Amino acid sequence: MQKQTLIEGLRALPGDERLLRTLGSLLEGEGNWQELQQIMLEQLPRLSRGAPIETHVCYLAGKACLELGDLRQALALSTRAVQGRSDFAYSHHIHGRVLAQTGRRTEALQAQQRCAELAPAFPWCWFEIGQLHLAQGETTAAKAAFERALALQEAQDPGNTTLFRRALEGVEARAQRAERQAAALSLWPDGPPPGLDGPLAPLQELALATEQFRLFLDGLEGQPGG
């Protein structure tokens, strides 16, 4: 009933900021992307360009378009949102997600880092930062971002951490494989023994573990202050 009342209010008072913010928040909370997209795009031409409510409606419409898979329109709207108000963290987050999905990973990372500057306790920007680092092969940076995302999510919503845990476990497994492969290459430069992804013969496993530890110590010595 509340939603219908708000919709009818907008028909009578198109562009009303209070009604738009309340209805937008309600639909966003419901995840009702189709209706959010439709209403925000209908209202957008009625708003003064550059006004705070116009920027907010661009954000909401851009987020709805992103969730519905309309990346072209989501990019245009999220760009307007961040240009209209550069200090609103969540516009940068949506803009970064759109950029990532369109293959513009460097710009996407910059957008998520800006979001993290503005809202450092927002877990999802750190999650996206981790994903972007991982896509660029930067495992250490990805792991640090996922660890931060998980810690923040556990503090804010401990019942909804599965995705964060899986991401962290995945990057940790990837790092372990990379360390194992580096040690194998050092031990057997002409090619590792078959079955490197599984357990090797006991003596080979011992040699591999020893070499991994040696490389780890070498890495520590190479660090500042090491």
Protein backbone atom coordinates (compact mmCIF):
# COMPACT_ATOMS: atom_id res chain seq x y z
CA MET A 1 0.00 0.00 0.00
CA GLN A 2 2.85 2.36 0.83
CA LYS A 3 4.43 1.80 -2.57
CA GLN A 4 1.19 2.42 -4.43
CA THR A 5 0.59 5.56 -2.42
CA LEU A 6 4.06 6.85 -3.35
CA ILE A 7 3.53 6.06 -7.03
CA GLU A 8 0.21 7.87 -7.04
CA GLY A 9 1.86 10.79 -5.25
CA LEU A 10 4.47 11.03 -8.00
CA ARG A 11 1.76 11.08 -10.64
CA ALA A 12 0.24 14.07 -8.89
CA LEU A 13 3.60 15.70 -8.06
CA PRO A 14 6.11 14.56 -10.71
CA GLY A 15 9.70 15.19 -9.74
CA ASP A 16 8.94 15.59 -6.04
CA GLU A 17 12.24 14.96 -4.24
CA ARG A 18 10.81 13.50 -1.04
CA LEU A 19 8.57 11.06 -2.90
CA LEU A 20 11.35 10.05 -5.29
CA ARG A 21 13.86 9.37 -2.52
CA THR A 22 11.36 7.41 -0.43
CA LEU A 23 10.06 5.33 -3.32
CA GLY A 24 13.56 4.79 -4.71
CA SER A 25 14.81 3.56 -1.35
CA LEU A 26 11.82 1.22 -1.03
CA LEU A 27 12.25 -0.33 -4.48
CA GLU A 28 16.01 -0.60 -4.10
CA GLY A 29 15.57 -2.39 -0.77
CA GLU A 30 13.12 -4.82 -2.38
CA GLY A 31 15.47 -5.45 -5.31
CA ASN A 32 12.58 -4.50 -7.59
CA TRP A 33 14.86 -3.48 -10.44
CA GLN A 34 12.31 -3.48 -13.23
CA GLU A 35 9.95 -1.08 -11.48
CA LEU A 36 12.82 1.02 -10.14
CA GLN A 37 14.24 1.41 -13.66
CA GLN A 38 10.88 2.28 -15.16
CA ILE A 39 9.90 4.89 -12.58
CA MET A 40 13.31 6.57 -12.31
CA LEU A 41 13.71 6.84 -16.08
CA GLU A 42 10.21 8.27 -16.37
CA GLN A 43 10.98 10.90 -13.73
CA LEU A 44 14.49 11.81 -14.88
CA PRO A 45 13.46 14.23 -17.70
CA ARG A 46 11.35 16.16 -15.20
CA LEU A 47 14.35 17.01 -13.00
CA SER A 48 16.72 19.97 -13.25
CA ARG A 49 20.09 18.92 -14.66
CA GLY A 50 22.72 18.93 -11.93
CA ALA A 51 20.25 19.08 -9.05
CA PRO A 52 20.98 16.71 -6.15
CA ILE A 53 17.81 14.71 -6.79
CA GLU A 54 18.70 14.35 -10.49
CA THR A 55 22.07 12.87 -9.51
CA HIS A 56 20.40 10.49 -7.06
CA VAL A 57 17.86 9.35 -9.63
CA CYS A 58 20.71 8.71 -12.10
CA TYR A 59 22.34 6.51 -9.46
CA LEU A 60 19.15 4.55 -8.80
CA ALA A 61 18.31 4.15 -12.49
CA GLY A 62 21.91 3.18 -13.26
CA LYS A 63 21.90 0.54 -10.55
CA ALA A 64 18.60 -0.87 -11.84
CA CYS A 65 19.93 -0.97 -15.41
CA LEU A 66 23.07 -2.76 -14.22
CA GLU A 67 21.06 -5.39 -12.35
CA LEU A 68 18.88 -5.88 -15.43
CA GLY A 69 21.90 -6.28 -17.71
CA ASP A 70 21.48 -3.03 -19.68
CA LEU A 71 25.15 -2.06 -19.48
CA ARG A 72 25.06 0.68 -22.12
CA GLN A 73 22.40 2.66 -20.28
CA ALA A 74 23.89 1.79 -16.89
CA LEU A 75 27.22 3.27 -17.97
CA ALA A 76 25.64 6.51 -19.17
CA LEU A 77 23.60 6.92 -15.99
CA SER A 78 26.38 5.98 -13.54
CA THR A 79 28.71 8.40 -15.34
CA ARG A 80 26.15 11.18 -14.86
CA ALA A 81 25.78 10.20 -11.22
CA VAL A 82 29.50 10.41 -10.38
CA GLN A 83 29.91 13.62 -12.37
CA GLY A 84 26.94 15.20 -10.64
CA ARG A 85 28.11 14.27 -7.15
CA SER A 86 31.67 13.03 -6.75
CA ASP A 87 31.40 12.45 -2.99
CA PHE A 88 28.65 9.80 -3.07
CA ALA A 89 30.43 6.50 -2.55
CA TYR A 90 27.76 4.19 -3.91
CA SER A 91 27.64 5.88 -7.31
CA HIS A 92 31.34 5.10 -7.68
CA HIS A 93 30.64 1.51 -6.66
CA ILE A 94 27.94 1.07 -9.32
CA HIS A 95 30.07 2.89 -11.89
CA GLY A 96 32.97 0.57 -11.10
CA ARG A 97 30.84 -2.53 -11.48
CA VAL A 98 29.61 -1.35 -14.87
CA LEU A 99 33.14 -0.54 -16.02
CA ALA A 100 34.34 -3.97 -14.92
CA GLN A 101 31.59 -5.70 -16.86
CA THR A 102 32.48 -3.72 -19.97
CA GLY A 103 36.14 -4.74 -19.72
CA ARG A 104 37.51 -1.41 -18.46
CA ARG A 105 39.23 -2.91 -15.43
CA THR A 106 41.76 -0.15 -14.71
CA GLU A 107 39.00 2.47 -14.56
CA ALA A 108 36.81 0.07 -12.59
CA LEU A 109 39.54 -0.35 -9.98
CA GLN A 110 39.94 3.42 -9.71
CA ALA A 111 36.18 3.79 -9.18
CA GLN A 112 36.09 1.14 -6.45
CA GLN A 113 39.14 2.65 -4.75
CA ARG A 114 37.35 6.02 -4.74
CA CYS A 115 34.34 4.30 -3.18
CA ALA A 116 36.64 2.80 -0.53
CA GLU A 117 38.06 6.26 0.24
CA LEU A 118 34.56 7.64 0.77
CA ALA A 119 33.08 4.60 2.53
CA PRO A 120 35.95 2.50 3.93
CA ALA A 121 33.55 0.30 5.93
CA PHE A 122 31.53 -0.73 2.83
CA PRO A 123 32.38 -4.44 2.29
CA TRP A 124 31.29 -4.64 -1.33
CA CYS A 125 33.79 -2.12 -2.69
CA TRP A 126 36.59 -4.19 -1.12
CA PHE A 127 35.09 -7.33 -2.62
CA GLU A 128 35.12 -5.72 -6.07
CA ILE A 129 38.68 -4.47 -5.54
CA GLY A 130 39.70 -8.05 -4.76
CA GLN A 131 38.00 -9.35 -7.90
CA LEU A 132 39.71 -6.74 -10.06
CA HIS A 133 43.15 -7.43 -8.60
CA LEU A 134 42.58 -11.14 -9.11
CA ALA A 135 41.63 -10.62 -12.75
CA GLN A 136 44.94 -8.80 -13.21
CA GLY A 137 46.91 -11.64 -11.59
CA GLU A 138 47.69 -9.59 -8.46
CA THR A 139 47.05 -12.35 -5.96
CA THR A 140 48.55 -10.69 -2.88
CA ALA A 141 46.52 -7.51 -3.34
CA ALA A 142 43.39 -9.55 -4.07
CA LYS A 143 43.84 -11.58 -0.88
CA ALA A 144 44.26 -8.44 1.23
CA ALA A 145 41.10 -6.91 -0.25
CA PHE A 146 39.05 -10.07 0.27
CA GLU A 147 40.27 -10.35 3.87
CA ARG A 148 39.15 -6.79 4.53
CA ALA A 149 35.81 -7.35 2.79
CA LEU A 150 35.14 -10.47 4.87
CA ALA A 151 36.06 -8.79 8.16
CA LEU A 152 33.73 -5.87 7.43
CA GLN A 153 30.90 -8.15 6.32
CA GLU A 154 31.25 -10.33 9.42
CA ALA A 155 30.96 -7.22 11.59
CA GLN A 156 27.91 -5.86 9.76
CA ASP A 157 26.01 -8.90 8.49
CA PRO A 158 27.48 -12.13 9.91
CA GLY A 159 24.72 -14.25 8.39
CA ASN A 160 25.64 -13.28 4.83
CA THR A 161 29.34 -14.01 4.42
CA THR A 162 29.36 -17.08 2.15
CA LEU A 163 30.34 -15.24 -1.02
CA PHE A 164 33.14 -13.41 0.78
CA ARG A 165 34.51 -16.61 2.32
CA ARG A 166 34.47 -18.42 -1.01
CA ALA A 167 36.32 -15.57 -2.69
CA LEU A 168 39.00 -15.56 0.00
CA GLU A 169 39.33 -19.35 -0.06
CA GLY A 170 39.63 -19.24 -3.85
CA VAL A 171 42.42 -16.68 -3.87
CA GLU A 172 44.25 -18.51 -1.08
CA ALA A 173 44.09 -21.75 -3.07
CA ARG A 174 45.34 -19.90 -6.15
CA ALA A 175 48.26 -18.46 -4.18
CA GLN A 176 49.15 -21.89 -2.82
CA ARG A 177 49.15 -23.37 -6.33
CA ALA A 178 51.37 -20.55 -7.56
CA GLU A 179 53.84 -21.12 -4.72
CA ARG A 180 53.86 -24.85 -5.40
CA GLN A 181 54.44 -24.31 -9.11
CA ALA A 182 57.26 -21.82 -8.47
CA ALA A 183 58.99 -24.29 -6.17
CA ALA A 184 58.54 -27.10 -8.70
CA LEU A 185 60.03 -24.96 -11.47
CA SER A 186 63.01 -24.17 -9.26
CA LEU A 187 63.55 -27.85 -8.41
CA TRP A 188 62.80 -29.29 -11.83
CA PRO A 189 63.52 -26.62 -14.46
CA ASP A 190 63.10 -29.14 -17.28
CA GLY A 191 59.56 -29.87 -16.15
CA PRO A 192 57.89 -30.92 -12.90
CA PRO A 193 56.97 -34.55 -12.29
CA PRO A 194 53.51 -35.65 -13.40
CA GLY A 195 50.64 -35.05 -11.01
CA LEU A 196 51.89 -31.81 -9.49
CA ASP A 197 48.31 -30.77 -8.65
CA GLY A 198 47.97 -33.84 -6.44
CA PRO A 199 50.23 -35.54 -3.89
CA LEU A 200 53.65 -36.57 -5.20
CA ALA A 201 55.90 -39.35 -3.93
CA PRO A 202 56.92 -38.72 -0.29
CA LEU A 203 60.51 -37.70 -1.12
CA GLN A 204 59.32 -35.37 -3.88
CA GLU A 205 56.77 -33.79 -1.56
CA LEU A 206 59.47 -33.25 1.06
CA ALA A 207 61.78 -31.64 -1.48
CA LEU A 208 58.95 -29.45 -2.77
CA ALA A 209 57.96 -28.29 0.73
CA THR A 210 61.58 -27.49 1.55
CA GLU A 211 61.96 -25.48 -1.66
CA GLN A 212 58.71 -23.59 -0.99
CA PHE A 213 60.01 -22.64 2.44
CA ARG A 214 63.35 -21.55 0.98
CA LEU A 215 61.62 -19.32 -1.56
CA PHE A 216 59.45 -17.91 1.21
CA LEU A 217 62.54 -16.97 3.24
CA ASP A 218 64.17 -15.46 0.15
CA GLY A 219 61.06 -13.34 -0.32
CA LEU A 220 61.24 -12.09 3.26
CA GLU A 221 64.89 -11.12 2.84
CA GLY A 222 63.98 -9.15 -0.26
CA GLN A 223 61.41 -7.04 1.61
CA PRO A 224 62.28 -3.64 3.13
CA GLY A 225 63.69 -4.21 6.57
CA GLY A 226 64.22 -7.92 5.83
